[in-house]
Amino acid sequence: MLDESTKTKKVHTINISDDVYKRVKSHIQEKGVTFTEFVNTTLSASLNRHKLSKMYTPYITEDFISDNAVYLNDSKLNKIAIVRLKEFPDTDLDNTGFYAYCEICDSDSCIHVRHSLVTGSILKLSILYKKA
């Protein structure tokens, strides 16, 4: 059923795989929003993240994403930065789970790590699906 705001706006149909639809449907039921609202909000946020990354780090571009690393081309350093997920050691009682780590900067809080978090490229690593 269309509400008043969609009657006046042009609406487009999209195809979504059944697996993704089921996961999103359970998520939006918890949030109390419609599927259309969720898709519009998610797509708008994605575009805003892309715009922010271009303003924040215009010299960093995503070069390649492998199964376990994000490769970022840093034109300022003229190098390829490799960002991977690392697991906190069992001896670290304050932290659990995973964190992003840049091999070129030897850091977990450098601009390359922040870029991969803002753009969401770190979420594309297949290691996430193996560990979940």
N, C-alpha and C. Protein backbone atom coordinates (compact mmCIF):
# COMPACT_ATOMS: atom_id res chain seq x y z
N MET A 1 0.84 -1.17 0.00
CA MET A 1 0.00 0.00 0.00
C MET A 1 0.89 1.25 0.00
N LEU A 2 0.60 2.18 -0.81
CA LEU A 2 1.40 3.39 -0.94
C LEU A 2 0.89 4.47 0.01
N ASP A 3 1.83 5.15 0.66
CA ASP A 3 1.43 6.26 1.50
C ASP A 3 1.42 7.53 0.65
N GLU A 4 1.03 8.64 1.25
CA GLU A 4 0.89 9.91 0.52
C GLU A 4 2.20 10.38 -0.11
N SER A 5 3.35 10.16 0.57
CA SER A 5 4.62 10.66 0.04
C SER A 5 5.05 9.90 -1.21
N THR A 6 4.73 8.61 -1.32
CA THR A 6 5.12 7.86 -2.50
C THR A 6 4.16 8.07 -3.66
N LYS A 7 2.95 8.54 -3.40
CA LYS A 7 2.01 8.80 -4.48
C LYS A 7 2.47 9.97 -5.34
N THR A 8 3.12 10.94 -4.71
CA THR A 8 3.56 12.12 -5.45
C THR A 8 4.97 11.96 -6.02
N LYS A 9 5.70 10.95 -5.58
CA LYS A 9 7.06 10.73 -6.06
C LYS A 9 7.08 9.53 -7.00
N LYS A 10 8.01 9.55 -7.93
CA LYS A 10 8.18 8.42 -8.82
C LYS A 10 8.81 7.27 -8.05
N VAL A 11 8.28 6.07 -8.19
CA VAL A 11 8.75 4.89 -7.48
C VAL A 11 9.37 3.92 -8.48
N HIS A 12 10.50 3.31 -8.10
CA HIS A 12 11.19 2.36 -8.97
C HIS A 12 11.19 0.98 -8.32
N THR A 13 11.09 -0.04 -9.11
CA THR A 13 11.11 -1.41 -8.63
C THR A 13 12.53 -1.96 -8.73
N ILE A 14 12.95 -2.72 -7.72
CA ILE A 14 14.27 -3.35 -7.75
C ILE A 14 14.13 -4.84 -7.45
N ASN A 15 15.09 -5.61 -7.89
CA ASN A 15 15.13 -7.04 -7.60
C ASN A 15 16.12 -7.29 -6.48
N ILE A 16 15.69 -8.06 -5.48
CA ILE A 16 16.54 -8.38 -4.34
C ILE A 16 16.52 -9.90 -4.17
N SER A 17 17.70 -10.48 -3.93
CA SER A 17 17.75 -11.93 -3.75
C SER A 17 16.95 -12.32 -2.51
N ASP A 18 16.43 -13.53 -2.51
CA ASP A 18 15.57 -14.01 -1.43
C ASP A 18 16.31 -14.02 -0.09
N ASP A 19 17.58 -14.42 -0.10
CA ASP A 19 18.37 -14.47 1.12
C ASP A 19 18.50 -13.08 1.75
N VAL A 20 18.84 -12.09 0.93
CA VAL A 20 18.98 -10.73 1.44
C VAL A 20 17.63 -10.20 1.91
N TYR A 21 16.58 -10.47 1.15
CA TYR A 21 15.25 -10.00 1.53
C TYR A 21 14.84 -10.54 2.91
N LYS A 22 15.09 -11.81 3.17
CA LYS A 22 14.72 -12.40 4.46
C LYS A 22 15.51 -11.78 5.60
N ARG A 23 16.81 -11.53 5.39
CA ARG A 23 17.63 -10.92 6.44
C ARG A 23 17.18 -9.48 6.70
N VAL A 24 16.89 -8.74 5.64
CA VAL A 24 16.47 -7.35 5.78
C VAL A 24 15.09 -7.29 6.43
N LYS A 25 14.21 -8.18 6.03
CA LYS A 25 12.85 -8.17 6.55
C LYS A 25 12.84 -8.36 8.07
N SER A 26 13.65 -9.28 8.57
CA SER A 26 13.69 -9.47 10.03
C SER A 26 14.31 -8.25 10.72
N HIS A 27 15.27 -7.63 10.07
CA HIS A 27 15.91 -6.44 10.64
C HIS A 27 14.94 -5.26 10.70
N ILE A 28 14.18 -5.04 9.64
CA ILE A 28 13.28 -3.88 9.63
C ILE A 28 12.07 -4.09 10.54
N GLN A 29 11.70 -5.33 10.76
CA GLN A 29 10.61 -5.58 11.70
C GLN A 29 11.01 -5.16 13.11
N GLU A 30 12.29 -5.37 13.45
CA GLU A 30 12.79 -4.94 14.76
C GLU A 30 12.80 -3.42 14.86
N LYS A 31 13.12 -2.75 13.73
CA LYS A 31 13.24 -1.29 13.72
C LYS A 31 11.90 -0.59 13.58
N GLY A 32 10.89 -1.29 13.09
CA GLY A 32 9.57 -0.69 12.93
C GLY A 32 9.47 0.26 11.75
N VAL A 33 10.21 0.00 10.67
CA VAL A 33 10.14 0.82 9.46
C VAL A 33 9.67 -0.04 8.30
N THR A 34 9.28 0.61 7.22
CA THR A 34 8.87 -0.14 6.04
C THR A 34 10.10 -0.53 5.23
N PHE A 35 9.93 -1.48 4.35
CA PHE A 35 11.02 -1.93 3.49
C PHE A 35 11.50 -0.77 2.61
N THR A 36 10.56 0.00 2.08
CA THR A 36 10.90 1.15 1.23
C THR A 36 11.71 2.18 2.00
N GLU A 37 11.29 2.49 3.22
CA GLU A 37 12.04 3.44 4.04
C GLU A 37 13.45 2.95 4.31
N PHE A 38 13.58 1.65 4.61
CA PHE A 38 14.89 1.08 4.89
C PHE A 38 15.80 1.17 3.66
N VAL A 39 15.30 0.79 2.50
CA VAL A 39 16.11 0.82 1.27
C VAL A 39 16.52 2.25 0.95
N ASN A 40 15.57 3.19 1.02
CA ASN A 40 15.90 4.59 0.72
C ASN A 40 16.93 5.15 1.70
N THR A 41 16.77 4.86 2.98
CA THR A 41 17.72 5.34 4.00
C THR A 41 19.09 4.72 3.80
N THR A 42 19.13 3.43 3.52
CA THR A 42 20.40 2.73 3.34
C THR A 42 21.14 3.23 2.11
N LEU A 43 20.44 3.39 1.01
CA LEU A 43 21.08 3.88 -0.22
C LEU A 43 21.55 5.33 -0.05
N SER A 44 20.76 6.15 0.62
CA SER A 44 21.16 7.53 0.86
C SER A 44 22.40 7.59 1.75
N ALA A 45 22.45 6.75 2.79
CA ALA A 45 23.62 6.71 3.68
C ALA A 45 24.86 6.25 2.92
N SER A 46 24.70 5.31 2.03
CA SER A 46 25.83 4.83 1.23
C SER A 46 26.39 5.94 0.35
N LEU A 47 25.51 6.69 -0.27
CA LEU A 47 25.96 7.82 -1.10
C LEU A 47 26.65 8.89 -0.26
N ASN A 48 26.12 9.14 0.94
CA ASN A 48 26.74 10.12 1.83
C ASN A 48 28.12 9.66 2.29
N ARG A 49 28.28 8.36 2.58
CA ARG A 49 29.60 7.83 2.95
C ARG A 49 30.59 8.01 1.82
N HIS A 50 30.15 7.75 0.60
CA HIS A 50 31.02 7.90 -0.56
C HIS A 50 31.44 9.36 -0.72
N LYS A 51 30.49 10.27 -0.56
CA LYS A 51 30.78 11.70 -0.67
C LYS A 51 31.75 12.14 0.43
N LEU A 52 31.52 11.66 1.65
CA LEU A 52 32.40 11.99 2.77
C LEU A 52 33.82 11.48 2.52
N SER A 53 33.95 10.27 2.02
CA SER A 53 35.28 9.71 1.79
C SER A 53 36.03 10.50 0.72
N LYS A 54 35.33 11.01 -0.27
CA LYS A 54 35.97 11.83 -1.31
C LYS A 54 36.43 13.17 -0.75
N MET A 55 35.69 13.71 0.23
CA MET A 55 36.09 14.97 0.86
C MET A 55 37.21 14.73 1.88
N TYR A 56 37.10 13.67 2.64
CA TYR A 56 38.01 13.38 3.75
C TYR A 56 39.36 12.84 3.28
N THR A 57 39.32 11.95 2.30
CA THR A 57 40.55 11.33 1.80
C THR A 57 40.54 11.30 0.26
N PRO A 58 40.65 12.44 -0.37
CA PRO A 58 40.57 12.46 -1.84
C PRO A 58 41.76 11.77 -2.51
N TYR A 59 42.82 11.55 -1.79
CA TYR A 59 44.03 10.94 -2.34
C TYR A 59 44.07 9.41 -2.14
N ILE A 60 43.03 8.85 -1.53
CA ILE A 60 42.97 7.40 -1.32
C ILE A 60 41.84 6.82 -2.15
N THR A 61 42.17 5.79 -2.94
CA THR A 61 41.16 5.08 -3.72
C THR A 61 41.27 3.59 -3.45
N GLU A 62 40.14 2.93 -3.53
CA GLU A 62 40.11 1.49 -3.35
C GLU A 62 40.68 0.84 -4.60
N ASP A 63 41.73 0.08 -4.43
CA ASP A 63 42.40 -0.56 -5.56
C ASP A 63 41.85 -1.96 -5.80
N PHE A 64 41.73 -2.75 -4.72
CA PHE A 64 41.33 -4.15 -4.86
C PHE A 64 40.90 -4.67 -3.49
N ILE A 65 39.97 -5.60 -3.49
CA ILE A 65 39.57 -6.27 -2.25
C ILE A 65 39.72 -7.77 -2.47
N SER A 66 40.59 -8.40 -1.68
CA SER A 66 40.77 -9.84 -1.76
C SER A 66 39.89 -10.50 -0.70
N ASP A 67 40.10 -11.78 -0.48
CA ASP A 67 39.33 -12.48 0.55
C ASP A 67 39.61 -11.94 1.94
N ASN A 68 40.84 -11.48 2.17
CA ASN A 68 41.21 -11.11 3.53
C ASN A 68 41.87 -9.74 3.68
N ALA A 69 41.87 -8.92 2.63
CA ALA A 69 42.52 -7.61 2.73
C ALA A 69 41.90 -6.60 1.77
N VAL A 70 41.98 -5.33 2.19
CA VAL A 70 41.57 -4.21 1.34
C VAL A 70 42.85 -3.50 0.92
N TYR A 71 43.02 -3.32 -0.38
CA TYR A 71 44.20 -2.65 -0.93
C TYR A 71 43.80 -1.24 -1.36
N LEU A 72 44.42 -0.25 -0.73
CA LEU A 72 44.09 1.14 -1.00
C LEU A 72 45.28 1.83 -1.65
N ASN A 73 45.02 2.53 -2.74
CA ASN A 73 46.06 3.30 -3.41
C ASN A 73 46.12 4.68 -2.78
N ASP A 74 47.24 4.98 -2.16
CA ASP A 74 47.45 6.28 -1.50
C ASP A 74 48.36 7.11 -2.40
N SER A 75 47.79 8.06 -3.15
CA SER A 75 48.58 8.86 -4.08
C SER A 75 49.46 9.88 -3.36
N LYS A 76 49.13 10.21 -2.13
CA LYS A 76 49.95 11.13 -1.34
C LYS A 76 51.28 10.47 -0.95
N LEU A 77 51.21 9.20 -0.51
CA LEU A 77 52.41 8.45 -0.15
C LEU A 77 53.02 7.72 -1.35
N ASN A 78 52.23 7.63 -2.43
CA ASN A 78 52.62 6.88 -3.62
C ASN A 78 52.88 5.41 -3.26
N LYS A 79 51.97 4.84 -2.45
CA LYS A 79 52.09 3.45 -2.00
C LYS A 79 50.71 2.81 -1.96
N ILE A 80 50.72 1.48 -1.90
CA ILE A 80 49.50 0.71 -1.70
C ILE A 80 49.43 0.33 -0.22
N ALA A 81 48.37 0.75 0.45
CA ALA A 81 48.15 0.41 1.85
C ALA A 81 47.30 -0.85 1.92
N ILE A 82 47.68 -1.78 2.77
CA ILE A 82 46.94 -3.03 2.94
C ILE A 82 46.29 -3.03 4.31
N VAL A 83 44.96 -3.09 4.32
CA VAL A 83 44.20 -3.10 5.56
C VAL A 83 43.58 -4.49 5.72
N ARG A 84 43.85 -5.11 6.85
CA ARG A 84 43.33 -6.45 7.15
C ARG A 84 42.58 -6.43 8.47
N LEU A 85 41.78 -7.46 8.69
CA LEU A 85 41.16 -7.66 9.99
C LEU A 85 42.06 -8.55 10.82
N LYS A 86 42.27 -8.16 12.05
CA LYS A 86 43.05 -8.97 12.98
C LYS A 86 42.17 -9.29 14.18
N GLU A 87 42.43 -10.43 14.77
CA GLU A 87 41.68 -10.83 15.95
C GLU A 87 42.45 -10.41 17.20
N PHE A 88 41.71 -9.85 18.16
CA PHE A 88 42.36 -9.49 19.42
C PHE A 88 42.89 -10.77 20.07
N PRO A 89 44.07 -10.71 20.66
CA PRO A 89 44.62 -11.91 21.33
C PRO A 89 43.80 -12.26 22.57
N ASP A 90 43.84 -13.54 22.95
CA ASP A 90 43.10 -13.99 24.13
C ASP A 90 43.59 -13.32 25.41
N THR A 91 44.81 -12.82 25.38
CA THR A 91 45.37 -12.18 26.57
C THR A 91 44.84 -10.76 26.77
N ASP A 92 44.21 -10.20 25.76
CA ASP A 92 43.66 -8.85 25.85
C ASP A 92 42.28 -8.93 26.51
N LEU A 93 42.24 -8.62 27.79
CA LEU A 93 40.99 -8.77 28.54
C LEU A 93 40.02 -7.63 28.31
N ASP A 94 40.51 -6.51 27.77
CA ASP A 94 39.64 -5.35 27.54
C ASP A 94 38.92 -5.40 26.20
N ASN A 95 39.46 -6.15 25.25
CA ASN A 95 38.90 -6.18 23.90
C ASN A 95 38.67 -7.61 23.43
N THR A 96 37.60 -7.78 22.65
CA THR A 96 37.31 -9.07 22.04
C THR A 96 36.92 -8.84 20.60
N GLY A 97 37.00 -9.86 19.80
CA GLY A 97 36.59 -9.76 18.40
C GLY A 97 37.71 -9.34 17.48
N PHE A 98 37.39 -8.49 16.53
CA PHE A 98 38.32 -8.12 15.47
C PHE A 98 38.53 -6.61 15.41
N TYR A 99 39.62 -6.23 14.80
CA TYR A 99 39.91 -4.82 14.54
C TYR A 99 40.63 -4.71 13.21
N ALA A 100 40.47 -3.55 12.57
CA ALA A 100 41.14 -3.30 11.30
C ALA A 100 42.56 -2.84 11.57
N TYR A 101 43.50 -3.27 10.72
CA TYR A 101 44.92 -2.98 10.93
C TYR A 101 45.58 -2.69 9.59
N CYS A 102 46.32 -1.59 9.53
CA CYS A 102 47.03 -1.19 8.31
C CYS A 102 48.48 -1.66 8.39
N GLU A 103 48.89 -2.43 7.41
CA GLU A 103 50.25 -2.97 7.41
C GLU A 103 51.30 -1.93 7.04
N ILE A 104 50.94 -0.98 6.20
CA ILE A 104 51.93 0.02 5.78
C ILE A 104 52.22 1.02 6.90
N CYS A 105 51.22 1.35 7.69
CA CYS A 105 51.40 2.32 8.78
C CYS A 105 51.68 1.63 10.12
N ASP A 106 51.51 0.30 10.15
CA ASP A 106 51.67 -0.46 11.38
C ASP A 106 50.78 0.13 12.47
N SER A 107 49.49 0.32 12.10
CA SER A 107 48.56 1.03 12.98
C SER A 107 47.14 0.50 12.83
N ASP A 108 46.36 0.67 13.89
CA ASP A 108 44.94 0.33 13.81
C ASP A 108 44.06 1.58 13.82
N SER A 109 44.70 2.76 13.71
CA SER A 109 43.93 4.00 13.73
C SER A 109 44.40 5.01 12.69
N CYS A 110 45.10 4.57 11.68
CA CYS A 110 45.61 5.49 10.65
C CYS A 110 44.50 5.87 9.67
N ILE A 111 44.81 6.73 8.75
CA ILE A 111 43.85 7.23 7.77
C ILE A 111 43.34 6.10 6.87
N HIS A 112 44.16 5.10 6.60
CA HIS A 112 43.76 3.99 5.74
C HIS A 112 42.71 3.11 6.42
N VAL A 113 42.90 2.86 7.71
CA VAL A 113 41.91 2.10 8.48
C VAL A 113 40.60 2.87 8.54
N ARG A 114 40.70 4.16 8.83
CA ARG A 114 39.49 4.98 8.91
C ARG A 114 38.77 5.05 7.57
N HIS A 115 39.53 5.14 6.48
CA HIS A 115 38.93 5.16 5.14
C HIS A 115 38.18 3.86 4.87
N SER A 116 38.79 2.73 5.18
CA SER A 116 38.13 1.45 4.91
C SER A 116 36.90 1.24 5.79
N LEU A 117 36.87 1.86 6.96
CA LEU A 117 35.69 1.79 7.82
C LEU A 117 34.58 2.71 7.32
N VAL A 118 34.94 3.93 6.91
CA VAL A 118 33.94 4.89 6.43
C VAL A 118 33.29 4.41 5.14
N THR A 119 34.10 3.91 4.21
CA THR A 119 33.55 3.47 2.93
C THR A 119 32.84 2.13 3.01
N GLY A 120 33.11 1.37 4.07
CA GLY A 120 32.50 0.06 4.21
C GLY A 120 33.23 -1.03 3.45
N SER A 121 34.37 -0.71 2.87
CA SER A 121 35.10 -1.72 2.09
C SER A 121 35.58 -2.87 2.98
N ILE A 122 35.81 -2.62 4.25
CA ILE A 122 36.24 -3.66 5.17
C ILE A 122 35.14 -4.72 5.35
N LEU A 123 33.89 -4.31 5.11
CA LEU A 123 32.76 -5.23 5.25
C LEU A 123 32.67 -6.25 4.11
N LYS A 124 33.44 -6.03 3.06
CA LYS A 124 33.40 -6.92 1.91
C LYS A 124 34.35 -8.11 2.04
N LEU A 125 35.13 -8.15 3.10
CA LEU A 125 36.08 -9.24 3.28
C LEU A 125 35.35 -10.54 3.58
N SER A 126 35.75 -11.60 2.91
CA SER A 126 35.06 -12.88 3.09
C SER A 126 35.38 -13.50 4.45
N ILE A 127 36.45 -13.05 5.10
CA ILE A 127 36.77 -13.56 6.43
C ILE A 127 35.63 -13.30 7.42
N LEU A 128 34.89 -12.22 7.19
CA LEU A 128 33.76 -11.91 8.06
C LEU A 128 32.71 -13.02 8.03
N TYR A 129 32.50 -13.58 6.85
CA TYR A 129 31.48 -14.61 6.70
C TYR A 129 31.95 -15.95 7.25
N LYS A 130 33.25 -16.19 7.25
CA LYS A 130 33.80 -17.42 7.77
C LYS A 130 33.80 -17.44 9.29
N LYS A 131 33.96 -16.25 9.91
CA LYS A 131 34.04 -16.16 11.37
C LYS A 131 32.68 -16.04 12.03
N ALA A 132 31.68 -15.60 11.28
CA ALA A 132 30.36 -15.36 11.89
C ALA A 132 29.60 -16.63 12.17
